[in-house]
Amino acid sequence: MAFSAPPSAAGGVRNPSGRKPLGLVQNIIKRKHSFAQFFAMTGILLLSCRSLGQKYRMYNLSEDAAALREDQENLTSRMNNIKHSLLAEAAREPTGAFAARLRLLFGDESN
C-alpha cells in the first residue's frame, strides 16, 4: 500500500497561525509608511548618483575646454610663424609685388 501524506505536509510550508499570506497590494497598504520611506530613500539615492555623474561630467568638460584653449594658442602661434616667414621671404623679392599681395591677404597694414 502506498503511503499518503497529510495535505498540510504535501502543500509545503504553512503559516503557524494558519492564515493565508497577504498579497503585495495588501502588504503595501498595511506597511505604507515603510514603503513611502523606502521609495523616498531610493529617490534620494538616485538623485545623488545623478549629481555625482554631472560633477564628473563638468570636470571632464573643463579639462576639454582647457585642452582646446591650448590647441588654439598653439595653432595661432604656428599661423603667426608661417605668416612672418612668408612675409620675410616675400620681402627679399626685388619687385615687392608678392609682399604687397601677402600684406593684402593677411590684412597687414605695416610695411
C-alpha atoms as a PDB file:
ATOM      1  CA  MET A   1       0.000   0.000   0.000  1.00  0.00           C
ATOM      2  CA  ALA A   2       1.114   3.483  -0.782  1.00  0.00           C
ATOM      3  CA  PHE A   3       1.776   5.904   1.979  1.00  0.00           C
ATOM      4  CA  SER A   4      -0.236   9.113   1.700  1.00  0.00           C
ATOM      5  CA  ALA A   5       0.999  12.289   3.329  1.00  0.00           C
ATOM      6  CA  PRO A   6      -1.344  14.652   5.094  1.00  0.00           C
ATOM      7  CA  PRO A   7      -2.435  17.636   2.912  1.00  0.00           C
ATOM      8  CA  SER A   8      -0.629  20.173   5.110  1.00  0.00           C
ATOM      9  CA  ALA A   9       2.746  18.453   4.654  1.00  0.00           C
ATOM     10  CA  ALA A  10       2.314  17.905   0.913  1.00  0.00           C
ATOM     11  CA  GLY A  11       1.423  21.535   0.154  1.00  0.00           C
ATOM     12  CA  GLY A  12       4.628  22.997   1.539  1.00  0.00           C
ATOM     13  CA  VAL A  13       5.227  25.307   4.468  1.00  0.00           C
ATOM     14  CA  ARG A  14       2.167  26.866   6.062  1.00  0.00           C
ATOM     15  CA  ASN A  15       1.901  29.832   8.374  1.00  0.00           C
ATOM     16  CA  PRO A  16       1.875  28.786  12.018  1.00  0.00           C
ATOM     17  CA  SER A  17      -1.267  30.875  12.525  1.00  0.00           C
ATOM     18  CA  GLY A  18      -2.978  29.104   9.617  1.00  0.00           C
ATOM     19  CA  ARG A  19      -3.812  32.368   7.783  1.00  0.00           C
ATOM     20  CA  LYS A  20      -3.231  32.933   4.086  1.00  0.00           C
ATOM     21  CA  PRO A  21      -0.222  35.220   3.425  1.00  0.00           C
ATOM     22  CA  LEU A  22      -1.008  38.787   2.358  1.00  0.00           C
ATOM     23  CA  GLY A  23      -0.621  39.768  -1.282  1.00  0.00           C
ATOM     24  CA  LEU A  24       1.667  42.543  -2.475  1.00  0.00           C
ATOM     25  CA  VAL A  25      -1.013  45.261  -2.535  1.00  0.00           C
ATOM     26  CA  GLN A  26      -2.346  44.343   0.910  1.00  0.00           C
ATOM     27  CA  ASN A  27       1.213  44.300   2.247  1.00  0.00           C
ATOM     28  CA  ILE A  28       1.831  47.786   0.815  1.00  0.00           C
ATOM     29  CA  ILE A  29      -1.383  49.101   2.336  1.00  0.00           C
ATOM     30  CA  LYS A  30      -0.522  47.566   5.700  1.00  0.00           C
ATOM     31  CA  ARG A  31       3.009  48.990   5.730  1.00  0.00           C
ATOM     32  CA  LYS A  32       2.534  52.159   3.654  1.00  0.00           C
ATOM     33  CA  HIS A  33       4.829  54.252   5.879  1.00  0.00           C
ATOM     34  CA  SER A  34       7.733  51.857   5.325  1.00  0.00           C
ATOM     35  CA  PHE A  35       7.132  51.719   1.572  1.00  0.00           C
ATOM     36  CA  ALA A  36       6.916  55.511   1.325  1.00  0.00           C
ATOM     37  CA  GLN A  37      10.179  55.821   3.242  1.00  0.00           C
ATOM     38  CA  PHE A  38      11.798  53.187   1.003  1.00  0.00           C
ATOM     39  CA  PHE A  39      10.755  54.969  -2.191  1.00  0.00           C
ATOM     40  CA  ALA A  40      11.871  58.346  -0.824  1.00  0.00           C
ATOM     41  CA  MET A  41      15.302  56.988   0.106  1.00  0.00           C
ATOM     42  CA  THR A  42      15.617  55.300  -3.296  1.00  0.00           C
ATOM     43  CA  GLY A  43      14.797  58.606  -4.993  1.00  0.00           C
ATOM     44  CA  ILE A  44      17.379  60.440  -2.917  1.00  0.00           C
ATOM     45  CA  LEU A  45      19.994  57.810  -3.764  1.00  0.00           C
ATOM     46  CA  LEU A  46      19.245  58.097  -7.492  1.00  0.00           C
ATOM     47  CA  LEU A  47      19.450  61.899  -7.372  1.00  0.00           C
ATOM     48  CA  SER A  48      22.777  61.688  -5.543  1.00  0.00           C
ATOM     49  CA  CYS A  49      24.173  59.337  -8.188  1.00  0.00           C
ATOM     50  CA  ARG A  50      22.958  61.662 -10.922  1.00  0.00           C
ATOM     51  CA  SER A  51      24.571  64.689  -9.245  1.00  0.00           C
ATOM     52  CA  LEU A  52      27.833  62.809  -8.874  1.00  0.00           C
ATOM     53  CA  GLY A  53      27.770  61.900 -12.572  1.00  0.00           C
ATOM     54  CA  GLN A  54      27.127  65.514 -13.535  1.00  0.00           C
ATOM     55  CA  LYS A  55      30.000  66.670 -11.309  1.00  0.00           C
ATOM     56  CA  TYR A  56      32.471  64.429 -13.111  1.00  0.00           C
ATOM     57  CA  ARG A  57      30.993  65.359 -16.490  1.00  0.00           C
ATOM     58  CA  MET A  58      31.565  69.048 -15.694  1.00  0.00           C
ATOM     59  CA  TYR A  59      35.127  68.279 -14.595  1.00  0.00           C
ATOM     60  CA  ASN A  60      35.780  66.454 -17.880  1.00  0.00           C
ATOM     61  CA  LEU A  61      34.288  69.332 -19.868  1.00  0.00           C
ATOM     62  CA  SER A  62      36.503  71.863 -18.114  1.00  0.00           C
ATOM     63  CA  GLU A  63      39.550  69.704 -18.906  1.00  0.00           C
ATOM     64  CA  ASP A  64      38.441  69.521 -22.548  1.00  0.00           C
ATOM     65  CA  ALA A  65      37.970  73.311 -22.674  1.00  0.00           C
ATOM     66  CA  ALA A  66      41.475  73.858 -21.303  1.00  0.00           C
ATOM     67  CA  ALA A  67      42.941  71.441 -23.872  1.00  0.00           C
ATOM     68  CA  LEU A  68      41.055  73.199 -26.686  1.00  0.00           C
ATOM     69  CA  ARG A  69      42.306  76.597 -25.480  1.00  0.00           C
ATOM     70  CA  GLU A  70      45.873  75.288 -25.505  1.00  0.00           C
ATOM     71  CA  ASP A  71      45.419  73.846 -29.008  1.00  0.00           C
ATOM     72  CA  GLN A  72      44.023  77.165 -30.214  1.00  0.00           C
ATOM     73  CA  GLU A  73      47.028  79.023 -28.802  1.00  0.00           C
ATOM     74  CA  ASN A  74      49.413  76.567 -30.485  1.00  0.00           C
ATOM     75  CA  LEU A  75      47.627  76.911 -33.835  1.00  0.00           C
ATOM     76  CA  THR A  76      47.611  80.709 -33.573  1.00  0.00           C
ATOM     77  CA  SER A  77      51.329  80.673 -32.822  1.00  0.00           C
ATOM     78  CA  ARG A  78      52.027  78.386 -35.792  1.00  0.00           C
ATOM     79  CA  MET A  79      49.935  80.583 -38.107  1.00  0.00           C
ATOM     80  CA  ASN A  80      51.815  83.694 -36.969  1.00  0.00           C
ATOM     81  CA  ASN A  81      55.171  81.969 -37.508  1.00  0.00           C
ATOM     82  CA  ILE A  82      54.134  80.895 -41.020  1.00  0.00           C
ATOM     83  CA  LYS A  83      52.833  84.391 -41.770  1.00  0.00           C
ATOM     84  CA  HIS A  84      56.069  86.062 -40.618  1.00  0.00           C
ATOM     85  CA  SER A  85      58.270  83.631 -42.514  1.00  0.00           C
ATOM     86  CA  LEU A  86      56.220  84.145 -45.718  1.00  0.00           C
ATOM     87  CA  LEU A  87      56.393  87.915 -45.346  1.00  0.00           C
ATOM     88  CA  ALA A  88      60.147  87.760 -44.663  1.00  0.00           C
ATOM     89  CA  GLU A  89      60.714  85.642 -47.761  1.00  0.00           C
ATOM     90  CA  ALA A  90      58.461  87.840 -49.882  1.00  0.00           C
ATOM     91  CA  ALA A  91      60.374  90.943 -48.698  1.00  0.00           C
ATOM     92  CA  ARG A  92      63.520  89.522 -50.298  1.00  0.00           C
ATOM     93  CA  GLU A  93      61.871  89.643 -53.734  1.00  0.00           C
ATOM     94  CA  PRO A  94      63.139  92.641 -55.692  1.00  0.00           C
ATOM     95  CA  THR A  95      59.798  93.830 -57.131  1.00  0.00           C
ATOM     96  CA  GLY A  96      57.854  93.748 -53.847  1.00  0.00           C
ATOM     97  CA  ALA A  97      54.625  92.698 -55.609  1.00  0.00           C
ATOM     98  CA  PHE A  98      54.457  89.384 -53.785  1.00  0.00           C
ATOM     99  CA  ALA A  99      54.975  91.082 -50.404  1.00  0.00           C
ATOM    100  CA  ALA A 100      52.255  93.618 -51.181  1.00  0.00           C
ATOM    101  CA  ARG A 101      49.856  90.853 -52.178  1.00  0.00           C
ATOM    102  CA  LEU A 102      50.608  88.921 -48.967  1.00  0.00           C
ATOM    103  CA  ARG A 103      50.025  92.032 -46.877  1.00  0.00           C
ATOM    104  CA  LEU A 104      46.618  92.425 -48.520  1.00  0.00           C
ATOM    105  CA  LEU A 105      45.771  88.771 -47.886  1.00  0.00           C
ATOM    106  CA  PHE A 106      46.864  88.889 -44.252  1.00  0.00           C
ATOM    107  CA  GLY A 107      45.317  92.303 -43.615  1.00  0.00           C
ATOM    108  CA  ASP A 108      48.671  93.671 -42.541  1.00  0.00           C
ATOM    109  CA  GLU A 109      48.946  97.452 -42.951  1.00  0.00           C
ATOM    110  CA  SER A 110      52.587  97.778 -41.850  1.00  0.00           C
ATOM    111  CA  ASN A 111      55.417  97.942 -44.420  1.00  0.00           C
END
